């Protein structure tokens, strides 16, 4: 005597199991936190302008010299500058600092580091001098 196997139930159960898996993965994906920069598109549009400013630093040899002395960040520019400095902490964006810059007549800027946690930081200087715009980025370690 030959028994007939009912494949229909197996196929339906297999399809339901697969669809349940896909729905569960979709729900899990949407529950993940967003790690997208909210200003992603604006930064993309400004990329060429930033690239030109970085190139200007190289062509004018306007890299600032940076040193740390007695909990003060000493920055020496090649001339009078006005702009901003961003201190960015790679491991914790909540610690980032934004500072307005204005040099003295010798091109020096002193930035106090009293409320800055020791460790690795990225400095981003964005300034204007003699009608030209500059952008310079450097990674430093604050003791």
C-alpha atoms as a PDB file:
ATOM      1  CA  UNK A   1       0.000   0.000   0.000  1.00  0.00           C
ATOM      2  CA  UNK A   2       1.375   3.412  -1.010  1.00  0.00           C
ATOM      3  CA  UNK A   3       0.873   6.399   1.300  1.00  0.00           C
ATOM      4  CA  UNK A   4       0.353   9.779  -0.289  1.00  0.00           C
ATOM      5  CA  UNK A   5       2.337  12.620   1.242  1.00  0.00           C
ATOM      6  CA  UNK A   6       0.541  15.946   1.549  1.00  0.00           C
ATOM      7  CA  UNK A   7       3.118  18.537   0.408  1.00  0.00           C
ATOM      8  CA  UNK A   8       0.693  21.438   0.646  1.00  0.00           C
ATOM      9  CA  UNK A   9       0.869  21.742   4.439  1.00  0.00           C
ATOM     10  CA  UNK A  10       4.677  21.651   4.417  1.00  0.00           C
ATOM     11  CA  UNK A  11       4.938  24.356   1.760  1.00  0.00           C
ATOM     12  CA  UNK A  12       2.460  26.634   3.583  1.00  0.00           C
ATOM     13  CA  UNK A  13       4.261  26.147   6.913  1.00  0.00           C
ATOM     14  CA  UNK A  14       7.629  26.862   5.246  1.00  0.00           C
ATOM     15  CA  UNK A  15       6.312  30.039   3.591  1.00  0.00           C
ATOM     16  CA  UNK A  16       4.772  31.274   6.862  1.00  0.00           C
ATOM     17  CA  UNK A  17       8.049  30.639   8.710  1.00  0.00           C
ATOM     18  CA  UNK A  18      10.036  32.546   6.042  1.00  0.00           C
ATOM     19  CA  UNK A  19       7.590  35.472   6.018  1.00  0.00           C
ATOM     20  CA  UNK A  20       7.702  35.634   9.831  1.00  0.00           C
ATOM     21  CA  UNK A  21      11.500  35.770   9.666  1.00  0.00           C
ATOM     22  CA  UNK A  22      11.425  38.612   7.105  1.00  0.00           C
ATOM     23  CA  UNK A  23       8.899  40.627   9.175  1.00  0.00           C
ATOM     24  CA  UNK A  24      10.968  40.116  12.352  1.00  0.00           C
ATOM     25  CA  UNK A  25      14.140  41.297  10.580  1.00  0.00           C
ATOM     26  CA  UNK A  26      12.291  44.375   9.231  1.00  0.00           C
ATOM     27  CA  UNK A  27      11.056  45.299  12.708  1.00  0.00           C
ATOM     28  CA  UNK A  28      14.556  44.796  14.174  1.00  0.00           C
ATOM     29  CA  UNK A  29      16.080  47.011  11.462  1.00  0.00           C
ATOM     30  CA  UNK A  30      13.698  49.901  12.123  1.00  0.00           C
ATOM     31  CA  UNK A  31      14.369  49.752  15.869  1.00  0.00           C
ATOM     32  CA  UNK A  32      18.103  50.399  15.375  1.00  0.00           C
ATOM     33  CA  UNK A  33      19.226  53.911  16.399  1.00  0.00           C
ATOM     34  CA  UNK A  34      19.930  56.468  13.685  1.00  0.00           C
ATOM     35  CA  UNK A  35      23.621  57.153  13.221  1.00  0.00           C
ATOM     36  CA  UNK A  36      23.178  59.427  10.221  1.00  0.00           C
ATOM     37  CA  UNK A  37      24.460  62.978  10.483  1.00  0.00           C
ATOM     38  CA  UNK A  38      21.432  65.293  10.226  1.00  0.00           C
ATOM     39  CA  UNK A  39      23.509  67.726   8.138  1.00  0.00           C
ATOM     40  CA  UNK A  40      24.795  65.054   5.740  1.00  0.00           C
ATOM     41  CA  UNK A  41      23.490  66.677   2.536  1.00  0.00           C
ATOM     42  CA  UNK A  42      24.549  70.206   3.488  1.00  0.00           C
ATOM     43  CA  UNK A  43      28.072  68.953   4.208  1.00  0.00           C
ATOM     44  CA  UNK A  44      28.145  67.193   0.850  1.00  0.00           C
ATOM     45  CA  UNK A  45      27.221  70.399  -0.947  1.00  0.00           C
ATOM     46  CA  UNK A  46      29.903  72.353   0.958  1.00  0.00           C
ATOM     47  CA  UNK A  47      32.640  69.790   0.212  1.00  0.00           C
ATOM     48  CA  UNK A  48      34.112  71.702  -2.761  1.00  0.00           C
ATOM     49  CA  UNK A  49      34.292  74.947  -0.790  1.00  0.00           C
ATOM     50  CA  UNK A  50      36.069  73.165   2.081  1.00  0.00           C
ATOM     51  CA  UNK A  51      38.447  71.460  -0.344  1.00  0.00           C
ATOM     52  CA  UNK A  52      39.360  74.833  -1.870  1.00  0.00           C
ATOM     53  CA  UNK A  53      40.044  76.272   1.611  1.00  0.00           C
ATOM     54  CA  UNK A  54      42.297  73.310   2.494  1.00  0.00           C
ATOM     55  CA  UNK A  55      44.154  73.740  -0.802  1.00  0.00           C
ATOM     56  CA  UNK A  56      44.588  77.452  -0.041  1.00  0.00           C
ATOM     57  CA  UNK A  57      46.361  76.569   3.236  1.00  0.00           C
ATOM     58  CA  UNK A  58      48.862  74.442   1.312  1.00  0.00           C
ATOM     59  CA  UNK A  59      49.453  76.906  -1.512  1.00  0.00           C
ATOM     60  CA  UNK A  60      49.960  79.867   0.875  1.00  0.00           C
ATOM     61  CA  UNK A  61      51.918  77.737   3.392  1.00  0.00           C
ATOM     62  CA  UNK A  62      49.531  79.026   6.059  1.00  0.00           C
ATOM     63  CA  UNK A  63      49.526  75.971   8.360  1.00  0.00           C
ATOM     64  CA  UNK A  64      49.290  77.210  11.945  1.00  0.00           C
ATOM     65  CA  UNK A  65      51.817  75.936  14.469  1.00  0.00           C
ATOM     66  CA  UNK A  66      50.143  74.322  17.468  1.00  0.00           C
ATOM     67  CA  UNK A  67      51.543  73.615  20.931  1.00  0.00           C
ATOM     68  CA  UNK A  68      50.219  73.030  24.441  1.00  0.00           C
ATOM     69  CA  UNK A  69      51.737  74.775  27.449  1.00  0.00           C
ATOM     70  CA  UNK A  70      50.296  75.031  30.991  1.00  0.00           C
ATOM     71  CA  UNK A  71      46.823  73.840  29.949  1.00  0.00           C
ATOM     72  CA  UNK A  72      46.648  76.421  27.135  1.00  0.00           C
ATOM     73  CA  UNK A  73      46.532  75.607  23.421  1.00  0.00           C
ATOM     74  CA  UNK A  74      48.922  78.026  21.721  1.00  0.00           C
ATOM     75  CA  UNK A  75      48.182  78.566  18.023  1.00  0.00           C
ATOM     76  CA  UNK A  76      50.466  80.691  15.834  1.00  0.00           C
ATOM     77  CA  UNK A  77      49.038  81.787  12.480  1.00  0.00           C
ATOM     78  CA  UNK A  78      51.018  83.449   9.674  1.00  0.00           C
ATOM     79  CA  UNK A  79      49.058  86.699  10.013  1.00  0.00           C
ATOM     80  CA  UNK A  80      45.972  88.325  11.484  1.00  0.00           C
ATOM     81  CA  UNK A  81      43.055  85.906  11.534  1.00  0.00           C
ATOM     82  CA  UNK A  82      39.384  85.872  12.388  1.00  0.00           C
ATOM     83  CA  UNK A  83      37.365  82.666  12.390  1.00  0.00           C
ATOM     84  CA  UNK A  84      36.428  79.608  14.407  1.00  0.00           C
ATOM     85  CA  UNK A  85      38.033  76.563  15.986  1.00  0.00           C
ATOM     86  CA  UNK A  86      36.203  73.326  16.636  1.00  0.00           C
ATOM     87  CA  UNK A  87      37.600  70.852  19.151  1.00  0.00           C
ATOM     88  CA  UNK A  88      36.015  67.509  18.306  1.00  0.00           C
ATOM     89  CA  UNK A  89      36.245  64.421  20.484  1.00  0.00           C
ATOM     90  CA  UNK A  90      36.151  61.340  18.201  1.00  0.00           C
ATOM     91  CA  UNK A  91      34.687  59.033  20.857  1.00  0.00           C
ATOM     92  CA  UNK A  92      32.068  61.416  22.299  1.00  0.00           C
ATOM     93  CA  UNK A  93      30.464  64.154  20.214  1.00  0.00           C
ATOM     94  CA  UNK A  94      28.797  65.639  23.316  1.00  0.00           C
ATOM     95  CA  UNK A  95      32.209  66.943  24.439  1.00  0.00           C
ATOM     96  CA  UNK A  96      32.807  68.958  21.234  1.00  0.00           C
ATOM     97  CA  UNK A  97      33.624  72.663  21.661  1.00  0.00           C
ATOM     98  CA  UNK A  98      33.129  75.575  19.248  1.00  0.00           C
ATOM     99  CA  UNK A  99      35.362  78.608  19.803  1.00  0.00           C
ATOM    100  CA  UNK A 100      35.495  81.972  18.017  1.00  0.00           C
ATOM    101  CA  UNK A 101      39.021  83.044  17.064  1.00  0.00           C
ATOM    102  CA  UNK A 102      40.596  86.440  16.723  1.00  0.00           C
ATOM    103  CA  UNK A 103      44.361  86.696  16.748  1.00  0.00           C
ATOM    104  CA  UNK A 104      46.523  89.406  18.193  1.00  0.00           C
ATOM    105  CA  UNK A 105      48.780  91.501  15.925  1.00  0.00           C
ATOM    106  CA  UNK A 106      51.430  88.737  15.884  1.00  0.00           C
ATOM    107  CA  UNK A 107      48.892  86.135  14.708  1.00  0.00           C
ATOM    108  CA  UNK A 108      48.748  84.301  18.047  1.00  0.00           C
ATOM    109  CA  UNK A 109      45.636  82.769  19.601  1.00  0.00           C
ATOM    110  CA  UNK A 110      45.526  81.228  23.085  1.00  0.00           C
ATOM    111  CA  UNK A 111      42.753  78.739  23.813  1.00  0.00           C
ATOM    112  CA  UNK A 112      42.332  77.708  27.481  1.00  0.00           C
ATOM    113  CA  UNK A 113      41.939  73.958  27.982  1.00  0.00           C
ATOM    114  CA  UNK A 114      40.674  74.046  31.580  1.00  0.00           C
ATOM    115  CA  UNK A 115      37.327  72.383  30.794  1.00  0.00           C
ATOM    116  CA  UNK A 116      38.696  70.042  28.099  1.00  0.00           C
ATOM    117  CA  UNK A 117      39.074  66.378  29.020  1.00  0.00           C
ATOM    118  CA  UNK A 118      42.495  64.810  28.330  1.00  0.00           C
ATOM    119  CA  UNK A 119      42.767  62.494  25.340  1.00  0.00           C
ATOM    120  CA  UNK A 120      42.674  62.488  21.560  1.00  0.00           C
ATOM    121  CA  UNK A 121      41.005  65.491  19.886  1.00  0.00           C
ATOM    122  CA  UNK A 122      40.579  66.746  16.351  1.00  0.00           C
ATOM    123  CA  UNK A 123      41.113  70.466  15.792  1.00  0.00           C
ATOM    124  CA  UNK A 124      39.346  72.152  12.887  1.00  0.00           C
ATOM    125  CA  UNK A 125      40.385  75.738  12.211  1.00  0.00           C
ATOM    126  CA  UNK A 126      38.246  77.739   9.780  1.00  0.00           C
ATOM    127  CA  UNK A 127      39.526  81.282   9.338  1.00  0.00           C
ATOM    128  CA  UNK A 128      39.910  84.261   7.057  1.00  0.00           C
ATOM    129  CA  UNK A 129      43.066  86.280   6.584  1.00  0.00           C
ATOM    130  CA  UNK A 130      43.881  88.973   4.003  1.00  0.00           C
ATOM    131  CA  UNK A 131      40.631  88.300   2.154  1.00  0.00           C
ATOM    132  CA  UNK A 132      41.354  84.566   1.748  1.00  0.00           C
ATOM    133  CA  UNK A 133      39.520  81.699   3.419  1.00  0.00           C
ATOM    134  CA  UNK A 134      41.339  78.760   5.008  1.00  0.00           C
ATOM    135  CA  UNK A 135      40.468  75.407   6.585  1.00  0.00           C
ATOM    136  CA  UNK A 136      42.985  73.308   8.514  1.00  0.00           C
ATOM    137  CA  UNK A 137      42.437  70.057  10.417  1.00  0.00           C
ATOM    138  CA  UNK A 138      44.865  68.426  12.834  1.00  0.00           C
ATOM    139  CA  UNK A 139      44.611  65.640  15.376  1.00  0.00           C
ATOM    140  CA  UNK A 140      46.243  66.272  18.760  1.00  0.00           C
ATOM    141  CA  UNK A 141      46.555  64.598  22.130  1.00  0.00           C
ATOM    142  CA  UNK A 142      45.729  66.741  25.152  1.00  0.00           C
ATOM    143  CA  UNK A 143      47.548  65.511  28.284  1.00  0.00           C
END
